[in-house]
């Protein structure tokens, strides 16, 4: 009974016309998900965002709880990219909003000091969890994928295909703090 009251209090302040409350995303997700949201999230905007993500991404309750714990809302769409320079307007926004920063790979349980190969090996050993951390739409293509540019060999650490963006996503792993030169500009 106390959770029902808390649910009412959480959403009673939402400015919604009478008879349209069912349009709120919280009414389209399971009760257990709602409990996780209103017990773990304070702001109304953030609660509605998580409810919408449950619908869009098909998150299980455990995936939702993990997302709340790692503060996915605050990180969503904050990755450093060159999408606005390289892609036309609607595509650059979609690509940017798809990414988040930083990614949380605590499930890898790496030693404090590790090399990029250790990171790559552990990610692939936990590929299902890794794909869940990336978000919906990613498909694994390969590791150490050879790319030839101007007759020079380069190797992409991890290569994915994003189904919604309809493009490849190359991931260059670094086991050190980010440096601006890592973002580099590629001219093809």
Protein backbone atom coordinates (compact mmCIF):
# COMPACT_ATOMS: atom_id res chain seq x y z
CA UNK A 1 0.00 0.00 0.00
CA UNK A 2 2.84 2.40 0.78
CA UNK A 3 4.32 1.88 -2.70
CA UNK A 4 0.98 2.69 -4.34
CA UNK A 5 0.83 5.91 -2.34
CA UNK A 6 4.43 6.72 -3.28
CA UNK A 7 3.60 6.06 -6.96
CA UNK A 8 0.61 8.42 -6.73
CA UNK A 9 2.69 11.13 -5.05
CA UNK A 10 5.50 10.70 -7.59
CA UNK A 11 3.26 11.39 -10.59
CA UNK A 12 0.35 13.41 -9.20
CA UNK A 13 2.29 16.63 -9.83
CA UNK A 14 2.61 15.85 -13.54
CA UNK A 15 0.60 18.49 -15.46
CA UNK A 16 -1.67 16.17 -17.43
CA UNK A 17 -5.25 16.71 -18.51
CA UNK A 18 -7.80 14.46 -16.81
CA UNK A 19 -8.37 11.28 -18.82
CA UNK A 20 -4.93 11.34 -20.46
CA UNK A 21 -2.83 9.90 -17.66
CA UNK A 22 -2.56 6.59 -19.53
CA UNK A 23 -0.36 8.43 -22.06
CA UNK A 24 2.40 8.65 -19.45
CA UNK A 25 5.05 5.99 -20.10
CA UNK A 26 4.86 4.80 -16.48
CA UNK A 27 1.44 3.30 -17.25
CA UNK A 28 2.93 1.19 -20.04
CA UNK A 29 5.63 -0.58 -18.05
CA UNK A 30 5.39 -3.30 -15.39
CA UNK A 31 4.78 -2.40 -11.74
CA UNK A 32 8.21 -3.76 -10.68
CA UNK A 33 9.88 -1.36 -13.13
CA UNK A 34 7.87 1.54 -11.70
CA UNK A 35 8.94 0.63 -8.17
CA UNK A 36 12.59 0.63 -9.27
CA UNK A 37 12.14 4.03 -10.92
CA UNK A 38 10.31 5.91 -8.19
CA UNK A 39 12.48 4.42 -5.43
CA UNK A 40 15.76 5.07 -7.29
CA UNK A 41 15.12 8.35 -9.12
CA UNK A 42 14.03 11.67 -7.63
CA UNK A 43 13.29 14.04 -10.53
CA UNK A 44 10.14 13.71 -12.60
CA UNK A 45 11.99 14.36 -15.88
CA UNK A 46 14.48 11.59 -15.13
CA UNK A 47 11.72 9.16 -14.06
CA UNK A 48 9.87 9.70 -17.33
CA UNK A 49 13.14 9.27 -19.27
CA UNK A 50 13.82 5.91 -17.62
CA UNK A 51 10.22 4.78 -18.24
CA UNK A 52 10.55 5.73 -21.91
CA UNK A 53 13.86 3.86 -22.13
CA UNK A 54 12.24 0.73 -20.69
CA UNK A 55 9.69 0.92 -23.51
CA UNK A 56 12.20 1.81 -26.28
CA UNK A 57 15.03 -0.51 -25.24
CA UNK A 58 12.96 -3.34 -23.77
CA UNK A 59 14.96 -3.23 -20.51
CA UNK A 60 14.36 -5.95 -17.96
CA UNK A 61 13.93 -4.82 -14.36
CA UNK A 62 17.55 -5.77 -13.61
CA UNK A 63 18.79 -3.82 -16.64
CA UNK A 64 16.75 -0.82 -15.47
CA UNK A 65 18.14 -1.05 -11.92
CA UNK A 66 21.69 -1.29 -13.32
CA UNK A 67 21.04 1.75 -15.54
CA UNK A 68 19.79 3.76 -12.58
CA UNK A 69 22.81 2.72 -10.48
CA UNK A 70 25.31 3.81 -13.14
CA UNK A 71 23.34 7.01 -13.83
CA UNK A 72 22.68 6.34 -17.51
CA UNK A 73 20.39 9.37 -17.69
CA UNK A 74 23.23 11.77 -16.84
CA UNK A 75 25.62 10.10 -19.29
CA UNK A 76 23.31 9.57 -22.26
CA UNK A 77 24.45 11.37 -25.41
CA UNK A 78 27.49 13.01 -23.79
CA UNK A 79 30.28 11.23 -25.69
CA UNK A 80 32.96 13.34 -27.41
CA UNK A 81 32.46 12.86 -31.15
CA UNK A 82 33.02 14.53 -34.50
CA UNK A 83 29.54 13.57 -35.77
CA UNK A 84 28.42 17.21 -36.18
CA UNK A 85 31.46 17.89 -38.40
CA UNK A 86 31.14 14.74 -40.51
CA UNK A 87 27.41 13.93 -40.80
CA UNK A 88 24.41 15.90 -42.07
CA UNK A 89 22.08 17.33 -39.42
CA UNK A 90 19.48 14.63 -38.71
CA UNK A 91 22.06 11.83 -38.87
CA UNK A 92 24.59 13.60 -36.65
CA UNK A 93 22.02 14.14 -33.89
CA UNK A 94 20.85 10.51 -34.04
CA UNK A 95 24.43 9.24 -33.95
CA UNK A 96 25.36 11.55 -31.05
CA UNK A 97 22.25 10.69 -29.03
CA UNK A 98 22.94 6.98 -29.49
CA UNK A 99 26.26 7.18 -27.66
CA UNK A 100 26.94 7.75 -23.99
CA UNK A 101 30.05 8.57 -22.03
CA UNK A 102 31.65 7.12 -20.05
CA UNK A 103 30.73 3.49 -20.49
CA UNK A 104 30.61 1.42 -17.32
CA UNK A 105 32.53 -1.84 -17.69
CA UNK A 106 32.71 -2.81 -14.01
CA UNK A 107 31.47 -6.29 -14.93
CA UNK A 108 34.89 -6.97 -16.53
CA UNK A 109 36.63 -7.05 -13.13
CA UNK A 110 39.98 -5.98 -14.56
CA UNK A 111 43.08 -5.43 -12.46
CA UNK A 112 43.85 -1.77 -11.76
CA UNK A 113 46.83 -1.93 -14.13
CA UNK A 114 45.91 -3.61 -17.40
CA UNK A 115 46.74 -3.36 -21.07
CA UNK A 116 44.40 -2.88 -24.02
CA UNK A 117 44.58 -6.56 -24.99
CA UNK A 118 43.32 -7.53 -21.49
CA UNK A 119 40.44 -5.09 -21.93
CA UNK A 120 39.61 -6.46 -25.39
CA UNK A 121 39.79 -10.11 -24.21
CA UNK A 122 37.51 -9.44 -21.23
CA UNK A 123 35.00 -7.49 -23.33
CA UNK A 124 34.70 -10.37 -25.76
CA UNK A 125 34.43 -12.90 -22.95
CA UNK A 126 31.41 -10.87 -21.78
CA UNK A 127 30.10 -9.86 -25.21
CA UNK A 128 26.43 -10.10 -24.18
CA UNK A 129 26.91 -7.74 -21.22
CA UNK A 130 29.08 -5.50 -23.40
CA UNK A 131 26.34 -5.24 -26.05
CA UNK A 132 23.81 -4.40 -23.33
CA UNK A 133 26.14 -1.66 -22.05
CA UNK A 134 26.40 -0.19 -25.57
CA UNK A 135 22.62 -0.11 -25.96
CA UNK A 136 20.06 -1.30 -28.44
CA UNK A 137 20.94 -1.75 -32.10
CA UNK A 138 24.58 -2.82 -31.94
CA UNK A 139 25.72 -5.99 -33.70
CA UNK A 140 29.22 -7.41 -33.21
CA UNK A 141 31.21 -7.72 -36.47
CA UNK A 142 34.73 -8.61 -35.33
CA UNK A 143 37.92 -7.84 -33.46
CA UNK A 144 41.24 -6.65 -34.87
CA UNK A 145 39.53 -6.03 -38.21
CA UNK A 146 42.04 -5.09 -40.91
CA UNK A 147 41.49 -1.78 -42.66
CA UNK A 148 43.76 -0.71 -45.55
CA UNK A 149 44.11 3.04 -46.15
CA UNK A 150 46.62 4.32 -48.72
CA UNK A 151 48.17 0.85 -48.86
CA UNK A 152 48.80 0.93 -45.10
CA UNK A 153 47.34 -1.65 -42.71
CA UNK A 154 45.37 -0.46 -39.68
CA UNK A 155 43.52 -2.65 -37.22
CA UNK A 156 40.24 -1.72 -35.60
CA UNK A 157 40.11 -3.13 -32.04
CA UNK A 158 36.37 -3.86 -32.13
CA UNK A 159 33.97 -3.35 -35.02
CA UNK A 160 30.19 -3.18 -34.66
CA UNK A 161 27.31 -2.43 -36.98
CA UNK A 162 24.49 -0.24 -35.68
CA UNK A 163 21.16 -1.35 -37.10
CA UNK A 164 19.32 1.97 -36.61
CA UNK A 165 22.15 4.22 -37.79
CA UNK A 166 22.93 1.80 -40.64
CA UNK A 167 26.65 2.29 -40.24
CA UNK A 168 29.72 0.66 -38.78
CA UNK A 169 30.95 1.76 -35.37
CA UNK A 170 34.68 1.29 -34.82
CA UNK A 171 35.94 1.16 -31.26
CA UNK A 172 39.57 1.89 -30.51
CA UNK A 173 40.32 0.68 -26.99
CA UNK A 174 42.61 2.65 -24.71
CA UNK A 175 43.66 1.48 -21.25
CA UNK A 176 44.84 4.98 -20.28
CA UNK A 177 43.10 8.28 -19.54
CA UNK A 178 41.56 10.01 -22.55
CA UNK A 179 43.78 12.38 -24.54
CA UNK A 180 42.39 14.77 -27.21
CA UNK A 181 44.56 13.24 -29.94
CA UNK A 182 42.65 9.95 -29.47
CA UNK A 183 39.58 11.59 -31.09
CA UNK A 184 41.57 12.54 -34.23
CA UNK A 185 40.05 13.40 -37.57
CA UNK A 186 39.89 10.84 -40.31
CA UNK A 187 39.78 12.00 -43.90
CA UNK A 188 38.81 9.33 -46.39
